[in-house]
Amino acid sequence: MPTNDPKILIFSALIGIVPALFWLWFWLKEDKEKPEPSGILTLCFIAGMLSIFFVLPLEKLARSLVAQEKWQVVSWAAIEEIVNIWL
C-alpha cells in the first residue's frame, strides 16, 4: 500500500540508501590494489537507481498475477535481481 507519510518515506529512503553506501565503502576499501574506475562505479549505482522505472510496473503486474503474499515477495525479489542483471 503506497503512503504519503513523510516519516515512512524518509525511513524507506534511508533503508534503501544506507546499505548501498555501506557496500560501496566496503568494496572501495577491499579493492585498494586494483581499484575499479570511479566512472564505472558511478554508472553502476545510477543504473541501479534507474532500474526502479522498469521494476515498479513489473512488480505491480506480479502483484496482480500472484495471489499468495509469500510468492509475491519472492517474485518481486526475482524481478529486481533480473532487471539489475539486465542493466
Protein backbone atom coordinates (compact mmCIF):
# COMPACT_ATOMS: atom_id res chain seq x y z
CA MET A 1 0.00 0.00 0.00
CA PRO A 2 1.55 3.32 -1.01
CA THR A 3 1.86 6.03 1.60
CA ASN A 4 2.31 9.77 1.69
CA ASP A 5 3.58 9.84 5.29
CA PRO A 6 6.91 11.75 5.18
CA LYS A 7 8.35 9.78 8.11
CA ILE A 8 7.79 6.47 6.35
CA LEU A 9 9.13 7.82 3.04
CA ILE A 10 12.31 9.16 4.67
CA PHE A 11 12.79 5.93 6.61
CA SER A 12 12.32 3.88 3.43
CA ALA A 13 14.80 6.03 1.52
CA LEU A 14 17.39 5.65 4.28
CA ILE A 15 16.86 1.90 4.45
CA GLY A 16 17.46 1.76 0.69
CA ILE A 17 20.44 4.12 0.53
CA VAL A 18 22.46 3.30 3.65
CA PRO A 19 23.17 -0.37 2.77
CA ALA A 20 24.22 0.62 -0.76
CA LEU A 21 26.61 3.24 0.60
CA PHE A 22 27.97 0.73 3.09
CA TRP A 23 28.67 -1.78 0.28
CA LEU A 24 30.33 0.94 -1.79
CA TRP A 25 32.55 1.89 1.13
CA PHE A 26 33.38 -1.77 1.85
CA TRP A 27 34.34 -2.62 -1.72
CA LEU A 28 36.39 0.54 -2.16
CA LYS A 29 38.37 -0.39 0.98
CA GLU A 30 38.79 -4.01 -0.16
CA ASP A 31 39.86 -3.11 -3.68
CA LYS A 32 42.85 -0.85 -2.96
CA GLU A 33 45.37 -2.78 -5.11
CA LYS A 34 43.36 -2.73 -8.35
CA PRO A 35 40.51 -0.26 -7.88
CA GLU A 36 37.64 -0.13 -10.30
CA PRO A 37 37.34 3.08 -12.32
CA SER A 38 35.16 5.54 -10.42
CA GLY A 39 33.14 6.27 -13.58
CA ILE A 40 32.11 2.63 -13.86
CA LEU A 41 31.14 2.52 -10.18
CA THR A 42 29.09 5.68 -10.63
CA LEU A 43 27.33 4.24 -13.68
CA CYS A 44 26.51 1.04 -11.77
CA PHE A 45 24.93 2.98 -8.93
CA ILE A 46 22.98 5.21 -11.32
CA ALA A 47 21.78 2.17 -13.28
CA GLY A 48 20.63 0.59 -10.03
CA MET A 49 18.67 3.71 -9.15
CA LEU A 50 17.12 3.99 -12.60
CA SER A 51 16.11 0.34 -12.61
CA ILE A 52 13.14 1.32 -10.44
CA PHE A 53 11.38 2.62 -13.55
CA PHE A 54 11.48 -0.89 -15.02
CA VAL A 55 10.90 -2.75 -11.77
CA LEU A 56 7.80 -0.99 -10.42
CA PRO A 57 5.49 -1.79 -13.36
CA LEU A 58 6.69 -5.40 -13.37
CA GLU A 59 6.14 -5.72 -9.62
CA LYS A 60 2.66 -4.25 -10.00
CA LEU A 61 1.93 -6.86 -12.67
CA ALA A 62 3.28 -9.63 -10.42
CA ARG A 63 1.07 -8.41 -7.55
CA SER A 64 -1.99 -8.80 -9.76
CA LEU A 65 -0.94 -12.25 -11.03
CA VAL A 66 0.35 -13.86 -7.84
CA ALA A 67 -2.22 -14.48 -5.11
CA GLN A 68 -0.14 -15.55 -2.11
CA GLU A 69 1.80 -12.81 -0.33
CA LYS A 70 4.83 -15.06 0.20
CA TRP A 71 5.14 -15.70 -3.53
CA GLN A 72 4.58 -12.02 -4.31
CA VAL A 73 7.66 -11.16 -2.26
CA VAL A 74 9.65 -13.91 -3.98
CA SER A 75 8.53 -12.69 -7.41
CA TRP A 76 9.39 -9.07 -6.53
CA ALA A 77 12.89 -10.08 -5.43
CA ALA A 78 13.36 -12.12 -8.59
CA ILE A 79 12.17 -9.23 -10.77
CA GLU A 80 14.59 -6.81 -9.09
CA GLU A 81 17.54 -9.16 -9.49
CA ILE A 82 16.75 -9.97 -13.13
CA VAL A 83 16.35 -6.30 -14.05
CA ASN A 84 19.61 -5.42 -12.29
CA ILE A 85 21.45 -8.18 -14.14
CA TRP A 86 19.95 -6.95 -17.41
CA LEU A 87 21.07 -3.37 -16.73
